[in-house]
Amino acid sequence: MNDSRLYKISFINRDKVYDIFAKQVYESDLYGFLAVEEIVFGNASDIVIDPSEEKLKAEFSGVKRSFIPLHSIVRIDEVKERGTCKISDYEESDNISLFPGASSAADEEK
């Protein structure tokens, strides 16, 4: 396996779009989940500190492997270099739509 591979994974979690970078992405033994290992964040020596990336770093601290539901995945790209990990608000558009699930059923009852 090539250790220099880096993947950008975009997924929806709690009405937010998460963009993270990881060295390993593969289909999990848990049915319907994608396994993500070795999440890559910026260096502590970076001059500009992004609060969104710091929030992600805190959320994934101590996590060896994360399992993301396949229906939450928006996109996976193999990239040459790491960009900015971020959390952004989900805005309904033609390109991204939420998979019908428990959250949409709860919204209909309101």
PDB file of N, CA and C in Angstrom:
ATOM      1  N   MET A   1       0.847  -1.187   0.000  1.00  0.00           N
ATOM      2  CA  MET A   1       0.000   0.000   0.000  1.00  0.00           C
ATOM      3  C   MET A   1       0.890   1.247   0.000  1.00  0.00           C
ATOM      4  N   ASN A   2       0.495   2.243  -0.708  1.00  0.00           N
ATOM      5  CA  ASN A   2       1.256   3.476  -0.815  1.00  0.00           C
ATOM      6  C   ASN A   2       0.953   4.381   0.374  1.00  0.00           C
ATOM      7  N   ASP A   3       1.966   4.658   1.217  1.00  0.00           N
ATOM      8  CA  ASP A   3       1.774   5.480   2.414  1.00  0.00           C
ATOM      9  C   ASP A   3       1.605   6.958   2.099  1.00  0.00           C
ATOM     10  N   SER A   4       1.919   7.372   0.888  1.00  0.00           N
ATOM     11  CA  SER A   4       1.840   8.789   0.555  1.00  0.00           C
ATOM     12  C   SER A   4       0.442   9.218   0.112  1.00  0.00           C
ATOM     13  N   ARG A   5      -0.491   8.294   0.058  1.00  0.00           N
ATOM     14  CA  ARG A   5      -1.852   8.660  -0.348  1.00  0.00           C
ATOM     15  C   ARG A   5      -2.534   9.473   0.738  1.00  0.00           C
ATOM     16  N   LEU A   6      -3.313  10.456   0.283  1.00  0.00           N
ATOM     17  CA  LEU A   6      -4.064  11.309   1.192  1.00  0.00           C
ATOM     18  C   LEU A   6      -5.442  11.527   0.594  1.00  0.00           C
ATOM     19  N   TYR A   7      -6.467  11.397   1.417  1.00  0.00           N
ATOM     20  CA  TYR A   7      -7.842  11.508   0.948  1.00  0.00           C
ATOM     21  C   TYR A   7      -8.560  12.646   1.658  1.00  0.00           C
ATOM     22  N   LYS A   8      -9.363  13.365   0.893  1.00  0.00           N
ATOM     23  CA  LYS A   8     -10.262  14.375   1.458  1.00  0.00           C
ATOM     24  C   LYS A   8     -11.643  13.738   1.501  1.00  0.00           C
ATOM     25  N   ILE A   9     -12.234  13.677   2.693  1.00  0.00           N
ATOM     26  CA  ILE A   9     -13.544  13.070   2.876  1.00  0.00           C
ATOM     27  C   ILE A   9     -14.517  14.156   3.310  1.00  0.00           C
ATOM     28  N   SER A  10     -15.597  14.306   2.566  1.00  0.00           N
ATOM     29  CA  SER A  10     -16.663  15.248   2.923  1.00  0.00           C
ATOM     30  C   SER A  10     -17.885  14.434   3.295  1.00  0.00           C
ATOM     31  N   PHE A  11     -18.445  14.732   4.479  1.00  0.00           N
ATOM     32  CA  PHE A  11     -19.636  14.014   4.923  1.00  0.00           C
ATOM     33  C   PHE A  11     -20.522  14.933   5.748  1.00  0.00           C
ATOM     34  N   ILE A  12     -21.778  14.554   5.870  1.00  0.00           N
ATOM     35  CA  ILE A  12     -22.759  15.343   6.614  1.00  0.00           C
ATOM     36  C   ILE A  12     -22.952  14.715   7.982  1.00  0.00           C
ATOM     37  N   ASN A  13     -22.879  15.564   9.012  1.00  0.00           N
ATOM     38  CA  ASN A  13     -23.077  15.139  10.389  1.00  0.00           C
ATOM     39  C   ASN A  13     -23.822  16.237  11.130  1.00  0.00           C
ATOM     40  N   ARG A  14     -25.018  15.930  11.619  1.00  0.00           N
ATOM     41  CA  ARG A  14     -25.829  16.890  12.382  1.00  0.00           C
ATOM     42  C   ARG A  14     -26.027  18.203  11.629  1.00  0.00           C
ATOM     43  N   ASP A  15     -26.444  18.118  10.381  1.00  0.00           N
ATOM     44  CA  ASP A  15     -26.721  19.276   9.526  1.00  0.00           C
ATOM     45  C   ASP A  15     -25.507  20.175   9.297  1.00  0.00           C
ATOM     46  N   LYS A  16     -24.325  19.602   9.389  1.00  0.00           N
ATOM     47  CA  LYS A  16     -23.075  20.297   9.076  1.00  0.00           C
ATOM     48  C   LYS A  16     -22.302  19.448   8.077  1.00  0.00           C
ATOM     49  N   VAL A  17     -21.517  20.089   7.229  1.00  0.00           N
ATOM     50  CA  VAL A  17     -20.663  19.381   6.291  1.00  0.00           C
ATOM     51  C   VAL A  17     -19.242  19.385   6.862  1.00  0.00           C
ATOM     52  N   TYR A  18     -18.708  18.202   7.099  1.00  0.00           N
ATOM     53  CA  TYR A  18     -17.359  18.036   7.628  1.00  0.00           C
ATOM     54  C   TYR A  18     -16.422  17.730   6.460  1.00  0.00           C
ATOM     55  N   ASP A  19     -15.293  18.418   6.410  1.00  0.00           N
ATOM     56  CA  ASP A  19     -14.226  18.131   5.447  1.00  0.00           C
ATOM     57  C   ASP A  19     -12.998  17.746   6.244  1.00  0.00           C
ATOM     58  N   ILE A  20     -12.582  16.477   6.116  1.00  0.00           N
ATOM     59  CA  ILE A  20     -11.399  16.005   6.839  1.00  0.00           C
ATOM     60  C   ILE A  20     -10.446  15.334   5.862  1.00  0.00           C
ATOM     61  N   PHE A  21      -9.195  15.183   6.283  1.00  0.00           N
ATOM     62  CA  PHE A  21      -8.174  14.531   5.468  1.00  0.00           C
ATOM     63  C   PHE A  21      -7.652  13.328   6.239  1.00  0.00           C
ATOM     64  N   ALA A  22      -7.490  12.208   5.533  1.00  0.00           N
ATOM     65  CA  ALA A  22      -7.033  10.979   6.181  1.00  0.00           C
ATOM     66  C   ALA A  22      -6.131  10.198   5.248  1.00  0.00           C
ATOM     67  N   LYS A  23      -5.298   9.352   5.861  1.00  0.00           N
ATOM     68  CA  LYS A  23      -4.373   8.538   5.078  1.00  0.00           C
ATOM     69  C   LYS A  23      -4.980   7.210   4.662  1.00  0.00           C
ATOM     70  N   GLN A  24      -5.987   6.730   5.397  1.00  0.00           N
ATOM     71  CA  GLN A  24      -6.599   5.452   5.057  1.00  0.00           C
ATOM     72  C   GLN A  24      -8.117   5.567   5.072  1.00  0.00           C
ATOM     73  N   VAL A  25      -8.735   5.106   3.992  1.00  0.00           N
ATOM     74  CA  VAL A  25     -10.190   5.071   3.870  1.00  0.00           C
ATOM     75  C   VAL A  25     -10.554   3.740   3.228  1.00  0.00           C
ATOM     76  N   TYR A  26     -11.465   3.010   3.855  1.00  0.00           N
ATOM     77  CA  TYR A  26     -11.857   1.722   3.292  1.00  0.00           C
ATOM     78  C   TYR A  26     -13.230   1.320   3.800  1.00  0.00           C
ATOM     79  N   GLU A  27     -13.852   0.391   3.074  1.00  0.00           N
ATOM     80  CA  GLU A  27     -15.161  -0.118   3.479  1.00  0.00           C
ATOM     81  C   GLU A  27     -14.985  -0.947   4.744  1.00  0.00           C
ATOM     82  N   SER A  28     -15.812  -0.658   5.716  1.00  0.00           N
ATOM     83  CA  SER A  28     -15.703  -1.308   7.013  1.00  0.00           C
ATOM     84  C   SER A  28     -16.366  -2.681   7.016  1.00  0.00           C
ATOM     85  N   ASP A  29     -15.974  -3.506   7.984  1.00  0.00           N
ATOM     86  CA  ASP A  29     -16.664  -4.774   8.206  1.00  0.00           C
ATOM     87  C   ASP A  29     -18.060  -4.542   8.775  1.00  0.00           C
ATOM     88  N   LEU A  30     -18.275  -3.368   9.375  1.00  0.00           N
ATOM     89  CA  LEU A  30     -19.606  -3.000   9.845  1.00  0.00           C
ATOM     90  C   LEU A  30     -20.426  -2.605   8.622  1.00  0.00           C
ATOM     91  N   TYR A  31     -21.472  -3.319   8.345  1.00  0.00           N
ATOM     92  CA  TYR A  31     -22.262  -3.101   7.138  1.00  0.00           C
ATOM     93  C   TYR A  31     -22.781  -1.659   7.074  1.00  0.00           C
ATOM     94  N   GLY A  32     -22.524  -0.994   5.950  1.00  0.00           N
ATOM     95  CA  GLY A  32     -23.049   0.349   5.711  1.00  0.00           C
ATOM     96  C   GLY A  32     -22.170   1.464   6.246  1.00  0.00           C
ATOM     97  N   PHE A  33     -20.941   1.153   6.654  1.00  0.00           N
ATOM     98  CA  PHE A  33     -20.054   2.166   7.202  1.00  0.00           C
ATOM     99  C   PHE A  33     -18.733   2.195   6.447  1.00  0.00           C
ATOM    100  N   LEU A  34     -18.140   3.378   6.392  1.00  0.00           N
ATOM    101  CA  LEU A  34     -16.827   3.588   5.818  1.00  0.00           C
ATOM    102  C   LEU A  34     -15.864   3.819   6.979  1.00  0.00           C
ATOM    103  N   ALA A  35     -14.732   3.143   6.982  1.00  0.00           N
ATOM    104  CA  ALA A  35     -13.730   3.323   8.035  1.00  0.00           C
ATOM    105  C   ALA A  35     -12.708   4.361   7.590  1.00  0.00           C
ATOM    106  N   VAL A  36     -12.381   5.285   8.487  1.00  0.00           N
ATOM    107  CA  VAL A  36     -11.406   6.341   8.215  1.00  0.00           C
ATOM    108  C   VAL A  36     -10.359   6.291   9.322  1.00  0.00           C
ATOM    109  N   GLU A  37      -9.090   6.147   8.931  1.00  0.00           N
ATOM    110  CA  GLU A  37      -7.992   6.084   9.903  1.00  0.00           C
ATOM    111  C   GLU A  37      -6.942   7.136   9.589  1.00  0.00           C
ATOM    112  N   GLU A  38      -6.179   7.474  10.606  1.00  0.00           N
ATOM    113  CA  GLU A  38      -5.060   8.410  10.490  1.00  0.00           C
ATOM    114  C   GLU A  38      -5.510   9.755   9.921  1.00  0.00           C
ATOM    115  N   ILE A  39      -6.407  10.408  10.643  1.00  0.00           N
ATOM    116  CA  ILE A  39      -6.885  11.731  10.240  1.00  0.00           C
ATOM    117  C   ILE A  39      -5.738  12.719  10.397  1.00  0.00           C
ATOM    118  N   VAL A  40      -5.556  13.574   9.390  1.00  0.00           N
ATOM    119  CA  VAL A  40      -4.428  14.506   9.341  1.00  0.00           C
ATOM    120  C   VAL A  40      -4.928  15.923   9.583  1.00  0.00           C
ATOM    121  N   PHE A  41      -4.296  16.594  10.551  1.00  0.00           N
ATOM    122  CA  PHE A  41      -4.608  17.994  10.843  1.00  0.00           C
ATOM    123  C   PHE A  41      -3.374  18.844  10.602  1.00  0.00           C
ATOM    124  N   GLY A  42      -3.542  20.170  10.696  1.00  0.00           N
ATOM    125  CA  GLY A  42      -2.420  21.087  10.494  1.00  0.00           C
ATOM    126  C   GLY A  42      -1.398  20.983  11.605  1.00  0.00           C
ATOM    127  N   ASN A  43      -0.262  21.610  11.390  1.00  0.00           N
ATOM    128  CA  ASN A  43       0.814  21.614  12.377  1.00  0.00           C
ATOM    129  C   ASN A  43       0.544  22.644  13.460  1.00  0.00           C
ATOM    130  N   ALA A  44       1.054  22.383  14.648  1.00  0.00           N
ATOM    131  CA  ALA A  44       0.924  23.348  15.745  1.00  0.00           C
ATOM    132  C   ALA A  44       1.734  24.605  15.461  1.00  0.00           C
ATOM    133  N   SER A  45       2.688  24.515  14.536  1.00  0.00           N
ATOM    134  CA  SER A  45       3.534  25.667  14.214  1.00  0.00           C
ATOM    135  C   SER A  45       2.890  26.616  13.201  1.00  0.00           C
ATOM    136  N   ASP A  46       1.705  26.262  12.689  1.00  0.00           N
ATOM    137  CA  ASP A  46       1.027  27.158  11.746  1.00  0.00           C
ATOM    138  C   ASP A  46       0.734  28.499  12.415  1.00  0.00           C
ATOM    139  N   ILE A  47       0.948  29.579  11.687  1.00  0.00           N
ATOM    140  CA  ILE A  47       0.747  30.920  12.241  1.00  0.00           C
ATOM    141  C   ILE A  47      -0.735  31.211  12.431  1.00  0.00           C
ATOM    142  N   VAL A  48      -1.545  30.921  11.439  1.00  0.00           N
ATOM    143  CA  VAL A  48      -2.973  31.182  11.516  1.00  0.00           C
ATOM    144  C   VAL A  48      -3.674  29.929  12.056  1.00  0.00           C
ATOM    145  N   ILE A  49      -4.460  30.109  13.105  1.00  0.00           N
ATOM    146  CA  ILE A  49      -5.187  28.992  13.707  1.00  0.00           C
ATOM    147  C   ILE A  49      -6.650  29.109  13.309  1.00  0.00           C
ATOM    148  N   ASP A  50      -7.156  28.084  12.657  1.00  0.00           N
ATOM    149  CA  ASP A  50      -8.544  28.046  12.209  1.00  0.00           C
ATOM    150  C   ASP A  50      -9.388  27.430  13.321  1.00  0.00           C
ATOM    151  N   PRO A  51     -10.369  28.176  13.879  1.00  0.00           N
ATOM    152  CA  PRO A  51     -11.186  27.633  14.969  1.00  0.00           C
ATOM    153  C   PRO A  51     -11.985  26.397  14.564  1.00  0.00           C
ATOM    154  N   SER A  52     -12.382  26.331  13.295  1.00  0.00           N
ATOM    155  CA  SER A  52     -13.125  25.172  12.809  1.00  0.00           C
ATOM    156  C   SER A  52     -12.250  23.924  12.832  1.00  0.00           C
ATOM    157  N   GLU A  53     -10.990  24.071  12.426  1.00  0.00           N
ATOM    158  CA  GLU A  53     -10.065  22.933  12.429  1.00  0.00           C
ATOM    159  C   GLU A  53      -9.734  22.532  13.870  1.00  0.00           C
ATOM    160  N   GLU A  54      -9.620  23.502  14.761  1.00  0.00           N
ATOM    161  CA  GLU A  54      -9.356  23.193  16.173  1.00  0.00           C
ATOM    162  C   GLU A  54     -10.527  22.425  16.781  1.00  0.00           C
ATOM    163  N   LYS A  55     -11.746  22.773  16.386  1.00  0.00           N
ATOM    164  CA  LYS A  55     -12.927  22.060  16.872  1.00  0.00           C
ATOM    165  C   LYS A  55     -12.907  20.609  16.381  1.00  0.00           C
ATOM    166  N   LEU A  56     -12.552  20.407  15.116  1.00  0.00           N
ATOM    167  CA  LEU A  56     -12.432  19.054  14.573  1.00  0.00           C
ATOM    168  C   LEU A  56     -11.325  18.268  15.272  1.00  0.00           C
ATOM    169  N   LYS A  57     -10.205  18.933  15.531  1.00  0.00           N
ATOM    170  CA  LYS A  57      -9.083  18.285  16.210  1.00  0.00           C
ATOM    171  C   LYS A  57      -9.518  17.804  17.596  1.00  0.00           C
ATOM    172  N   ALA A  58     -10.277  18.628  18.297  1.00  0.00           N
ATOM    173  CA  ALA A  58     -10.769  18.254  19.627  1.00  0.00           C
ATOM    174  C   ALA A  58     -11.784  17.119  19.531  1.00  0.00           C
ATOM    175  N   GLU A  59     -12.655  17.164  18.523  1.00  0.00           N
ATOM    176  CA  GLU A  59     -13.687  16.135  18.359  1.00  0.00           C
ATOM    177  C   GLU A  59     -13.073  14.769  18.037  1.00  0.00           C
ATOM    178  N   PHE A  60     -11.999  14.755  17.261  1.00  0.00           N
ATOM    179  CA  PHE A  60     -11.385  13.494  16.849  1.00  0.00           C
ATOM    180  C   PHE A  60     -10.128  13.140  17.658  1.00  0.00           C
ATOM    181  N   SER A  61      -9.853  13.869  18.727  1.00  0.00           N
ATOM    182  CA  SER A  61      -8.665  13.542  19.528  1.00  0.00           C
ATOM    183  C   SER A  61      -8.861  12.184  20.200  1.00  0.00           C
ATOM    184  N   GLY A  62      -7.847  11.376  20.145  1.00  0.00           N
ATOM    185  CA  GLY A  62      -7.909  10.053  20.747  1.00  0.00           C
ATOM    186  C   GLY A  62      -8.649   9.015  19.924  1.00  0.00           C
ATOM    187  N   VAL A  63      -9.116   9.385  18.736  1.00  0.00           N
ATOM    188  CA  VAL A  63      -9.856   8.454  17.873  1.00  0.00           C
ATOM    189  C   VAL A  63      -8.862   7.704  16.995  1.00  0.00           C
ATOM    190  N   LYS A  64      -8.872   6.389  17.097  1.00  0.00           N
ATOM    191  CA  LYS A  64      -7.991   5.561  16.274  1.00  0.00           C
ATOM    192  C   LYS A  64      -8.605   5.350  14.894  1.00  0.00           C
ATOM    193  N   ARG A  65      -9.908   5.057  14.870  1.00  0.00           N
ATOM    194  CA  ARG A  65     -10.625   4.769  13.623  1.00  0.00           C
ATOM    195  C   ARG A  65     -12.037   5.329  13.778  1.00  0.00           C
ATOM    196  N   SER A  66     -12.504   6.001  12.755  1.00  0.00           N
ATOM    197  CA  SER A  66     -13.855   6.540  12.773  1.00  0.00           C
ATOM    198  C   SER A  66     -14.696   5.806  11.729  1.00  0.00           C
ATOM    199  N   PHE A  67     -15.932   5.492  12.070  1.00  0.00           N
ATOM    200  CA  PHE A  67     -16.846   4.813  11.159  1.00  0.00           C
ATOM    201  C   PHE A  67     -17.935   5.807  10.758  1.00  0.00           C
ATOM    202  N   ILE A  68     -18.004   6.084   9.468  1.00  0.00           N
ATOM    203  CA  ILE A  68     -18.957   7.070   8.946  1.00  0.00           C
ATOM    204  C   ILE A  68     -19.995   6.331   8.112  1.00  0.00           C
ATOM    205  N   PRO A  69     -21.298   6.579   8.365  1.00  0.00           N
ATOM    206  CA  PRO A  69     -22.334   5.910   7.564  1.00  0.00           C
ATOM    207  C   PRO A  69     -22.189   6.271   6.081  1.00  0.00           C
ATOM    208  N   LEU A  70     -22.318   5.263   5.221  1.00  0.00           N
ATOM    209  CA  LEU A  70     -22.156   5.490   3.781  1.00  0.00           C
ATOM    210  C   LEU A  70     -23.124   6.532   3.242  1.00  0.00           C
ATOM    211  N   HIS A  71     -24.354   6.576   3.787  1.00  0.00           N
ATOM    212  CA  HIS A  71     -25.324   7.536   3.265  1.00  0.00           C
ATOM    213  C   HIS A  71     -25.008   8.973   3.667  1.00  0.00           C
ATOM    214  N   SER A  72     -24.031   9.173   4.569  1.00  0.00           N
ATOM    215  CA  SER A  72     -23.618  10.523   4.968  1.00  0.00           C
ATOM    216  C   SER A  72     -22.480  11.065   4.109  1.00  0.00           C
ATOM    217  N   ILE A  73     -21.821  10.184   3.368  1.00  0.00           N
ATOM    218  CA  ILE A  73     -20.668  10.587   2.557  1.00  0.00           C
ATOM    219  C   ILE A  73     -21.146  11.430   1.373  1.00  0.00           C
ATOM    220  N   VAL A  74     -20.520  12.584   1.203  1.00  0.00           N
ATOM    221  CA  VAL A  74     -20.823  13.448   0.071  1.00  0.00           C
ATOM    222  C   VAL A  74     -19.820  13.179  -1.050  1.00  0.00           C
ATOM    223  N   ARG A  75     -18.533  13.072  -0.655  1.00  0.00           N
ATOM    224  CA  ARG A  75     -17.490  12.933  -1.674  1.00  0.00           C
ATOM    225  C   ARG A  75     -16.178  12.478  -1.027  1.00  0.00           C
ATOM    226  N   ILE A  76     -15.390  11.719  -1.796  1.00  0.00           N
ATOM    227  CA  ILE A  76     -14.045  11.323  -1.375  1.00  0.00           C
ATOM    228  C   ILE A  76     -13.114  11.601  -2.544  1.00  0.00           C
ATOM    229  N   ASP A  77     -12.058  12.372  -2.295  1.00  0.00           N
ATOM    230  CA  ASP A  77     -11.069  12.708  -3.318  1.00  0.00           C
ATOM    231  C   ASP A  77      -9.689  12.286  -2.841  1.00  0.00           C
ATOM    232  N   GLU A  78      -8.877  11.738  -3.742  1.00  0.00           N
ATOM    233  CA  GLU A  78      -7.467  11.524  -3.429  1.00  0.00           C
ATOM    234  C   GLU A  78      -6.753  12.813  -3.821  1.00  0.00           C
ATOM    235  N   VAL A  79      -6.028  13.410  -2.877  1.00  0.00           N
ATOM    236  CA  VAL A  79      -5.397  14.709  -3.100  1.00  0.00           C
ATOM    237  C   VAL A  79      -3.885  14.598  -2.940  1.00  0.00           C
ATOM    238  N   LYS A  80      -3.178  15.593  -3.480  1.00  0.00           N
ATOM    239  CA  LYS A  80      -1.714  15.603  -3.392  1.00  0.00           C
ATOM    240  C   LYS A  80      -1.228  16.193  -2.079  1.00  0.00           C
ATOM    241  N   GLU A  81      -1.937  17.206  -1.570  1.00  0.00           N
ATOM    242  CA  GLU A  81      -1.525  17.821  -0.309  1.00  0.00           C
ATOM    243  C   GLU A  81      -2.753  18.185   0.517  1.00  0.00           C
ATOM    244  N   ARG A  82      -2.521  18.285   1.810  1.00  0.00           N
ATOM    245  CA  ARG A  82      -3.607  18.545   2.747  1.00  0.00           C
ATOM    246  C   ARG A  82      -4.099  19.978   2.628  1.00  0.00           C
ATOM    247  N   GLY A  83      -5.387  20.132   2.650  1.00  0.00           N
ATOM    248  CA  GLY A  83      -6.004  21.446   2.689  1.00  0.00           C
ATOM    249  C   GLY A  83      -6.466  21.722   4.112  1.00  0.00           C
ATOM    250  N   THR A  84      -7.483  22.554   4.240  1.00  0.00           N
ATOM    251  CA  THR A  84      -7.997  22.916   5.553  1.00  0.00           C
ATOM    252  C   THR A  84      -9.140  21.996   5.951  1.00  0.00           C
ATOM    253  N   CYS A  85      -9.011  21.394   7.122  1.00  0.00           N
ATOM    254  CA  CYS A  85     -10.125  20.635   7.690  1.00  0.00           C
ATOM    255  C   CYS A  85     -11.127  21.658   8.207  1.00  0.00           C
ATOM    256  N   LYS A  86     -12.401  21.433   7.951  1.00  0.00           N
ATOM    257  CA  LYS A  86     -13.381  22.441   8.375  1.00  0.00           C
ATOM    258  C   LYS A  86     -14.752  21.832   8.570  1.00  0.00           C
ATOM    259  N   ILE A  87     -15.564  22.574   9.290  1.00  0.00           N
ATOM    260  CA  ILE A  87     -16.981  22.263   9.466  1.00  0.00           C
ATOM    261  C   ILE A  87     -17.733  23.467   8.917  1.00  0.00           C
ATOM    262  N   SER A  88     -18.633  23.222   7.991  1.00  0.00           N
ATOM    263  CA  SER A  88     -19.430  24.319   7.439  1.00  0.00           C
ATOM    264  C   SER A  88     -20.906  23.965   7.527  1.00  0.00           C
ATOM    265  N   ASP A  89     -21.742  24.994   7.486  1.00  0.00           N
ATOM    266  CA  ASP A  89     -23.183  24.778   7.544  1.00  0.00           C
ATOM    267  C   ASP A  89     -23.658  24.095   6.276  1.00  0.00           C
ATOM    268  N   TYR A  90     -24.587  23.199   6.451  1.00  0.00           N
ATOM    269  CA  TYR A  90     -25.193  22.524   5.308  1.00  0.00           C
ATOM    270  C   TYR A  90     -26.183  23.474   4.673  1.00  0.00           C
ATOM    271  N   GLU A  91     -26.004  23.752   3.394  1.00  0.00           N
ATOM    272  CA  GLU A  91     -26.932  24.581   2.643  1.00  0.00           C
ATOM    273  C   GLU A  91     -27.505  23.722   1.535  1.00  0.00           C
ATOM    274  N   GLU A  92     -28.813  23.594   1.521  1.00  0.00           N
ATOM    275  CA  GLU A  92     -29.442  22.745   0.518  1.00  0.00           C
ATOM    276  C   GLU A  92     -29.184  23.326  -0.867  1.00  0.00           C
ATOM    277  N   SER A  93     -28.693  22.477  -1.749  1.00  0.00           N
ATOM    278  CA  SER A  93     -28.408  22.898  -3.120  1.00  0.00           C
ATOM    279  C   SER A  93     -28.688  21.729  -4.047  1.00  0.00           C
ATOM    280  N   ASP A  94     -28.418  21.932  -5.314  1.00  0.00           N
ATOM    281  CA  ASP A  94     -28.613  20.860  -6.286  1.00  0.00           C
ATOM    282  C   ASP A  94     -27.553  19.773  -6.142  1.00  0.00           C
ATOM    283  N   ASN A  95     -26.389  20.111  -5.591  1.00  0.00           N
ATOM    284  CA  ASN A  95     -25.271  19.174  -5.514  1.00  0.00           C
ATOM    285  C   ASN A  95     -25.316  18.239  -4.318  1.00  0.00           C
ATOM    286  N   ILE A  96     -25.860  18.697  -3.186  1.00  0.00           N
ATOM    287  CA  ILE A  96     -25.872  17.896  -1.962  1.00  0.00           C
ATOM    288  C   ILE A  96     -27.281  17.872  -1.401  1.00  0.00           C
ATOM    289  N   SER A  97     -27.750  16.682  -1.053  1.00  0.00           N
ATOM    290  CA  SER A  97     -29.036  16.586  -0.369  1.00  0.00           C
ATOM    291  C   SER A  97     -28.928  15.519   0.700  1.00  0.00           C
ATOM    292  N   LEU A  98     -29.653  15.726   1.795  1.00  0.00           N
ATOM    293  CA  LEU A  98     -29.634  14.780   2.897  1.00  0.00           C
ATOM    294  C   LEU A  98     -30.376  13.517   2.517  1.00  0.00           C
ATOM    295  N   PHE A  99     -29.852  12.385   2.955  1.00  0.00           N
ATOM    296  CA  PHE A  99     -30.514  11.105   2.764  1.00  0.00           C
ATOM    297  C   PHE A  99     -31.696  11.057   3.726  1.00  0.00           C
ATOM    298  N   PRO A 100     -32.887  10.636   3.278  1.00  0.00           N
ATOM    299  CA  PRO A 100     -34.029  10.585   4.183  1.00  0.00           C
ATOM    300  C   PRO A 100     -33.719   9.697   5.368  1.00  0.00           C
ATOM    301  N   GLY A 101     -33.980  10.178   6.551  1.00  0.00           N
ATOM    302  CA  GLY A 101     -33.677   9.402   7.738  1.00  0.00           C
ATOM    303  C   GLY A 101     -34.455   9.905   8.931  1.00  0.00           C
ATOM    304  N   ALA A 102     -33.963   9.606  10.089  1.00  0.00           N
ATOM    305  CA  ALA A 102     -34.658   9.966  11.320  1.00  0.00           C
ATOM    306  C   ALA A 102     -34.786  11.475  11.496  1.00  0.00           C
ATOM    307  N   SER A 103     -33.749  12.244  11.107  1.00  0.00           N
ATOM    308  CA  SER A 103     -33.817  13.685  11.291  1.00  0.00           C
ATOM    309  C   SER A 103     -34.886  14.319  10.411  1.00  0.00           C
ATOM    310  N   SER A 104     -35.063  13.822   9.170  1.00  0.00           N
ATOM    311  CA  SER A 104     -36.075  14.387   8.291  1.00  0.00           C
ATOM    312  C   SER A 104     -37.476  13.995   8.743  1.00  0.00           C
ATOM    313  N   ALA A 105     -37.626  12.797   9.328  1.00  0.00           N
ATOM    314  CA  ALA A 105     -38.922  12.362   9.840  1.00  0.00           C
ATOM    315  C   ALA A 105     -39.324  13.196  11.041  1.00  0.00           C
ATOM    316  N   ALA A 106     -38.361  13.553  11.886  1.00  0.00           N
ATOM    317  CA  ALA A 106     -38.637  14.373  13.052  1.00  0.00           C
ATOM    318  C   ALA A 106     -39.022  15.783  12.614  1.00  0.00           C
ATOM    319  N   ASP A 107     -38.403  16.291  11.551  1.00  0.00           N
ATOM    320  CA  ASP A 107     -38.727  17.628  11.039  1.00  0.00           C
ATOM    321  C   ASP A 107     -40.149  17.661  10.491  1.00  0.00           C
ATOM    322  N   GLU A 108     -40.622  16.580   9.864  1.00  0.00           N
ATOM    323  CA  GLU A 108     -41.967  16.543   9.298  1.00  0.00           C
ATOM    324  C   GLU A 108     -43.026  16.565  10.382  1.00  0.00           C
ATOM    325  N   GLU A 109     -42.724  16.022  11.573  1.00  0.00           N
ATOM    326  CA  GLU A 109     -43.709  15.985  12.647  1.00  0.00           C
ATOM    327  C   GLU A 109     -43.929  17.352  13.255  1.00  0.00           C
ATOM    328  N   LYS A 110     -42.984  18.269  13.127  1.00  0.00           N
ATOM    329  CA  LYS A 110     -43.090  19.594  13.732  1.00  0.00           C
ATOM    330  C   LYS A 110     -44.082  20.458  13.030  1.00  0.00           C
TER     331      LYS A 110
END
